[in-house]
N, C-alpha and C. Protein backbone atom coordinates (compact mmCIF):
# COMPACT_ATOMS: atom_id res chain seq x y z
N UNK A 1 0.84 -1.17 0.00
CA UNK A 1 0.00 0.00 0.00
C UNK A 1 0.89 1.24 0.00
N UNK A 2 0.63 2.17 -0.90
CA UNK A 2 1.42 3.38 -0.99
C UNK A 2 1.04 4.36 0.12
N UNK A 3 1.88 5.34 0.32
CA UNK A 3 1.62 6.36 1.35
C UNK A 3 0.32 7.10 1.05
N UNK A 4 0.09 7.44 -0.21
CA UNK A 4 -1.13 8.17 -0.56
C UNK A 4 -2.37 7.29 -0.35
N UNK A 5 -2.24 6.01 -0.58
CA UNK A 5 -3.36 5.09 -0.33
C UNK A 5 -3.68 5.03 1.15
N UNK A 6 -2.65 5.00 1.98
CA UNK A 6 -2.84 5.00 3.43
C UNK A 6 -3.53 6.29 3.87
N UNK A 7 -3.10 7.38 3.29
CA UNK A 7 -3.69 8.67 3.63
C UNK A 7 -5.16 8.73 3.21
N UNK A 8 -5.46 8.18 2.05
CA UNK A 8 -6.85 8.14 1.57
C UNK A 8 -7.72 7.31 2.51
N UNK A 9 -7.20 6.18 2.95
CA UNK A 9 -7.95 5.34 3.90
C UNK A 9 -8.18 6.06 5.22
N UNK A 10 -7.17 6.75 5.69
CA UNK A 10 -7.29 7.52 6.93
C UNK A 10 -8.34 8.61 6.78
N UNK A 11 -8.34 9.30 5.65
CA UNK A 11 -9.32 10.37 5.40
C UNK A 11 -10.74 9.82 5.37
N UNK A 12 -10.93 8.65 4.75
CA UNK A 12 -12.25 8.04 4.71
C UNK A 12 -12.71 7.67 6.12
N UNK A 13 -11.79 7.17 6.93
CA UNK A 13 -12.11 6.83 8.31
C UNK A 13 -12.52 8.07 9.09
N UNK A 14 -11.78 9.17 8.91
CA UNK A 14 -12.13 10.42 9.59
C UNK A 14 -13.50 10.92 9.16
N UNK A 15 -13.79 10.88 7.88
CA UNK A 15 -15.09 11.33 7.39
C UNK A 15 -16.21 10.49 7.99
N UNK A 16 -15.99 9.20 8.09
CA UNK A 16 -16.99 8.30 8.68
C UNK A 16 -17.22 8.63 10.15
N UNK A 17 -16.13 8.86 10.89
CA UNK A 17 -16.26 9.20 12.31
C UNK A 17 -16.94 10.56 12.49
N UNK A 18 -16.59 11.53 11.66
CA UNK A 18 -17.23 12.84 11.74
C UNK A 18 -18.72 12.74 11.45
N UNK A 19 -19.10 11.92 10.49
CA UNK A 19 -20.50 11.72 10.16
C UNK A 19 -21.23 11.07 11.34
N UNK A 20 -20.61 10.07 11.94
CA UNK A 20 -21.20 9.37 13.08
C UNK A 20 -21.41 10.32 14.26
N UNK A 21 -20.47 11.24 14.48
CA UNK A 21 -20.56 12.18 15.60
C UNK A 21 -21.39 13.43 15.26
N UNK A 22 -21.81 13.55 14.01
CA UNK A 22 -22.59 14.71 13.61
C UNK A 22 -21.77 15.95 13.35
N UNK A 23 -20.49 15.77 13.09
CA UNK A 23 -19.61 16.91 12.87
C UNK A 23 -19.52 17.34 11.41
N UNK A 24 -20.19 16.62 10.51
CA UNK A 24 -20.09 16.97 9.09
C UNK A 24 -20.77 18.30 8.78
N UNK A 25 -21.63 18.78 9.68
CA UNK A 25 -22.28 20.07 9.47
C UNK A 25 -21.33 21.25 9.69
N UNK A 26 -20.21 20.99 10.34
CA UNK A 26 -19.25 22.05 10.62
C UNK A 26 -18.34 22.30 9.42
N UNK A 27 -17.92 23.54 9.28
CA UNK A 27 -16.95 23.87 8.23
C UNK A 27 -15.59 23.29 8.63
N UNK A 28 -14.67 23.16 7.69
CA UNK A 28 -13.34 22.66 8.05
C UNK A 28 -12.66 23.48 9.15
N UNK A 29 -12.81 24.80 9.12
CA UNK A 29 -12.21 25.64 10.15
C UNK A 29 -12.89 25.39 11.50
N UNK A 30 -14.21 25.29 11.50
CA UNK A 30 -14.93 25.00 12.75
C UNK A 30 -14.49 23.66 13.33
N UNK A 31 -14.34 22.66 12.47
CA UNK A 31 -13.89 21.35 12.94
C UNK A 31 -12.51 21.43 13.56
N UNK A 32 -11.60 22.14 12.90
CA UNK A 32 -10.24 22.25 13.42
C UNK A 32 -10.22 22.97 14.77
N UNK A 33 -11.01 24.01 14.91
CA UNK A 33 -11.09 24.71 16.19
C UNK A 33 -11.68 23.80 17.25
N UNK A 34 -12.72 23.06 16.90
CA UNK A 34 -13.35 22.14 17.84
C UNK A 34 -12.37 21.04 18.28
N UNK A 35 -11.63 20.48 17.33
CA UNK A 35 -10.62 19.47 17.67
C UNK A 35 -9.55 20.05 18.57
N UNK A 36 -9.07 21.25 18.25
CA UNK A 36 -8.05 21.91 19.07
C UNK A 36 -8.59 22.17 20.47
N UNK A 37 -9.82 22.64 20.57
CA UNK A 37 -10.43 22.91 21.88
C UNK A 37 -10.54 21.64 22.70
N UNK A 38 -10.94 20.56 22.06
CA UNK A 38 -11.05 19.27 22.77
C UNK A 38 -9.69 18.85 23.30
N UNK A 39 -8.68 18.98 22.49
CA UNK A 39 -7.34 18.57 22.91
C UNK A 39 -6.82 19.45 24.06
N UNK A 40 -7.04 20.75 23.96
CA UNK A 40 -6.53 21.68 24.97
C UNK A 40 -7.30 21.61 26.29
N UNK A 41 -8.53 21.13 26.25
CA UNK A 41 -9.36 21.13 27.45
C UNK A 41 -9.24 19.85 28.28
N UNK A 42 -8.39 18.94 27.87
CA UNK A 42 -8.26 17.66 28.58
C UNK A 42 -7.95 17.83 30.06
N UNK A 43 -7.03 18.74 30.39
CA UNK A 43 -6.58 18.88 31.77
C UNK A 43 -7.47 19.79 32.60
N UNK A 44 -7.89 20.91 32.03
CA UNK A 44 -8.60 21.91 32.81
C UNK A 44 -10.10 21.99 32.53
N UNK A 45 -10.56 21.26 31.55
CA UNK A 45 -11.96 21.29 31.10
C UNK A 45 -12.37 22.66 30.56
N UNK A 46 -11.40 23.52 30.40
CA UNK A 46 -11.66 24.86 29.91
C UNK A 46 -10.55 25.20 28.91
N UNK A 47 -10.88 26.00 27.93
CA UNK A 47 -9.88 26.39 26.93
C UNK A 47 -9.93 27.90 26.75
N UNK A 48 -8.76 28.49 26.55
CA UNK A 48 -8.68 29.94 26.39
C UNK A 48 -8.48 30.28 24.92
N UNK A 49 -8.99 31.43 24.52
CA UNK A 49 -8.91 31.85 23.13
C UNK A 49 -7.48 31.89 22.62
N UNK A 50 -6.57 32.45 23.41
CA UNK A 50 -5.19 32.56 22.92
C UNK A 50 -4.55 31.18 22.73
N UNK A 51 -4.94 30.21 23.52
CA UNK A 51 -4.44 28.85 23.33
C UNK A 51 -4.93 28.25 22.03
N UNK A 52 -6.18 28.53 21.71
CA UNK A 52 -6.75 28.03 20.45
C UNK A 52 -6.06 28.66 19.24
N UNK A 53 -5.88 29.97 19.30
CA UNK A 53 -5.27 30.68 18.17
C UNK A 53 -3.87 30.14 17.86
N UNK A 54 -3.15 29.74 18.90
CA UNK A 54 -1.78 29.26 18.72
C UNK A 54 -1.69 27.76 18.42
N UNK A 55 -2.80 27.05 18.47
CA UNK A 55 -2.78 25.60 18.25
C UNK A 55 -2.39 25.28 16.80
N UNK A 56 -1.66 24.23 16.63
CA UNK A 56 -1.17 23.81 15.31
C UNK A 56 -2.28 23.68 14.27
N UNK A 57 -3.44 23.19 14.66
CA UNK A 57 -4.52 22.98 13.70
C UNK A 57 -5.11 24.28 13.14
N UNK A 58 -4.96 25.38 13.86
CA UNK A 58 -5.58 26.63 13.41
C UNK A 58 -4.60 27.78 13.22
N UNK A 59 -3.31 27.50 13.29
CA UNK A 59 -2.30 28.55 13.14
C UNK A 59 -2.40 29.30 11.83
N UNK A 60 -2.79 28.63 10.78
CA UNK A 60 -2.82 29.28 9.46
C UNK A 60 -4.15 29.99 9.17
N UNK A 61 -5.08 29.93 10.10
CA UNK A 61 -6.39 30.57 9.90
C UNK A 61 -6.27 32.05 10.26
N UNK A 62 -6.83 32.91 9.43
CA UNK A 62 -6.78 34.35 9.72
C UNK A 62 -7.62 34.65 10.97
N UNK A 63 -7.28 35.73 11.64
CA UNK A 63 -7.99 36.11 12.87
C UNK A 63 -9.49 36.32 12.64
N UNK A 64 -9.88 37.06 11.59
CA UNK A 64 -11.33 37.24 11.38
C UNK A 64 -12.06 35.91 11.16
N UNK A 65 -11.47 35.03 10.37
CA UNK A 65 -12.08 33.72 10.11
C UNK A 65 -12.14 32.91 11.40
N UNK A 66 -11.08 32.95 12.18
CA UNK A 66 -11.04 32.24 13.46
C UNK A 66 -12.18 32.69 14.36
N UNK A 67 -12.34 33.99 14.52
CA UNK A 67 -13.37 34.49 15.44
C UNK A 67 -14.78 34.27 14.92
N UNK A 68 -14.98 34.31 13.61
CA UNK A 68 -16.30 33.97 13.05
C UNK A 68 -16.63 32.51 13.34
N UNK A 69 -15.65 31.63 13.13
CA UNK A 69 -15.88 30.19 13.37
C UNK A 69 -16.10 29.91 14.86
N UNK A 70 -15.35 30.60 15.71
CA UNK A 70 -15.51 30.42 17.16
C UNK A 70 -16.92 30.84 17.58
N UNK A 71 -17.38 31.97 17.09
CA UNK A 71 -18.73 32.44 17.39
C UNK A 71 -19.77 31.44 16.90
N UNK A 72 -19.57 30.90 15.72
CA UNK A 72 -20.48 29.91 15.16
C UNK A 72 -20.54 28.65 16.02
N UNK A 73 -19.38 28.19 16.51
CA UNK A 73 -19.35 27.01 17.36
C UNK A 73 -20.12 27.24 18.67
N UNK A 74 -20.05 28.44 19.19
CA UNK A 74 -20.82 28.78 20.40
C UNK A 74 -22.31 28.79 20.08
N UNK A 75 -22.68 29.40 18.97
CA UNK A 75 -24.09 29.46 18.58
C UNK A 75 -24.67 28.08 18.32
N UNK A 76 -23.86 27.18 17.77
CA UNK A 76 -24.32 25.82 17.47
C UNK A 76 -24.26 24.91 18.70
N UNK A 77 -23.67 25.38 19.79
CA UNK A 77 -23.64 24.61 21.03
C UNK A 77 -22.45 23.69 21.22
N UNK A 78 -21.48 23.72 20.32
CA UNK A 78 -20.30 22.87 20.45
C UNK A 78 -19.34 23.40 21.51
N UNK A 79 -19.33 24.72 21.70
CA UNK A 79 -18.56 25.37 22.75
C UNK A 79 -19.52 26.28 23.51
N UNK A 80 -19.22 26.52 24.77
CA UNK A 80 -19.98 27.51 25.52
C UNK A 80 -19.04 28.34 26.35
N UNK A 81 -19.45 29.59 26.59
CA UNK A 81 -18.64 30.48 27.41
C UNK A 81 -18.54 29.89 28.81
N UNK A 82 -17.37 29.96 29.38
CA UNK A 82 -17.15 29.45 30.73
C UNK A 82 -17.85 30.38 31.72
N UNK A 83 -18.44 29.81 32.73
CA UNK A 83 -19.08 30.60 33.77
C UNK A 83 -18.08 31.28 34.68
N UNK A 84 -16.80 30.87 34.58
CA UNK A 84 -15.77 31.41 35.46
C UNK A 84 -15.15 32.71 34.97
N UNK A 85 -15.48 33.14 33.76
CA UNK A 85 -14.83 34.33 33.22
C UNK A 85 -15.81 35.08 32.32
N UNK A 86 -15.52 36.35 32.10
CA UNK A 86 -16.38 37.15 31.24
C UNK A 86 -16.29 36.71 29.79
N UNK A 87 -15.06 36.57 29.30
CA UNK A 87 -14.90 36.14 27.91
C UNK A 87 -13.51 35.56 27.73
N UNK A 88 -13.33 34.91 26.60
CA UNK A 88 -12.02 34.35 26.31
C UNK A 88 -11.80 32.95 26.85
N UNK A 89 -12.78 32.41 27.56
CA UNK A 89 -12.66 31.04 28.08
C UNK A 89 -13.91 30.25 27.68
N UNK A 90 -13.66 29.04 27.22
CA UNK A 90 -14.76 28.22 26.71
C UNK A 90 -14.69 26.81 27.28
N UNK A 91 -15.85 26.18 27.32
CA UNK A 91 -15.98 24.80 27.72
C UNK A 91 -16.41 24.02 26.48
N UNK A 92 -15.81 22.86 26.27
CA UNK A 92 -16.14 22.02 25.13
C UNK A 92 -17.33 21.15 25.48
N UNK A 93 -18.34 21.19 24.64
CA UNK A 93 -19.54 20.36 24.82
C UNK A 93 -19.46 19.15 23.88
N UNK A 94 -20.05 18.07 24.30
CA UNK A 94 -20.06 16.86 23.47
C UNK A 94 -20.83 17.12 22.19
N UNK A 95 -20.42 16.48 21.10
CA UNK A 95 -21.18 16.64 19.84
C UNK A 95 -22.60 16.15 20.02
N UNK A 96 -23.51 16.77 19.27
CA UNK A 96 -24.93 16.38 19.35
C UNK A 96 -25.24 15.25 18.42
């Protein structure tokens, strides 16, 4: 099996898992932010905006696009503002 074949199989597996979890409705940027938030929230159950912006999955996303996608994730219920702070901190919610 070639490297590209392996990559294609991995991509199909990811698409299947995203469909199962209901994440296919999210844009690619929203998905990357959601994945980054999930990874960053493992220890503290909370994630900060500056941590998300610096995460490898979203480093190449422009600031306006990042903040539009972040707002969309909150509106869709995938993230919610933390009760512990005014802004800039989010809690990751399970996919619907």
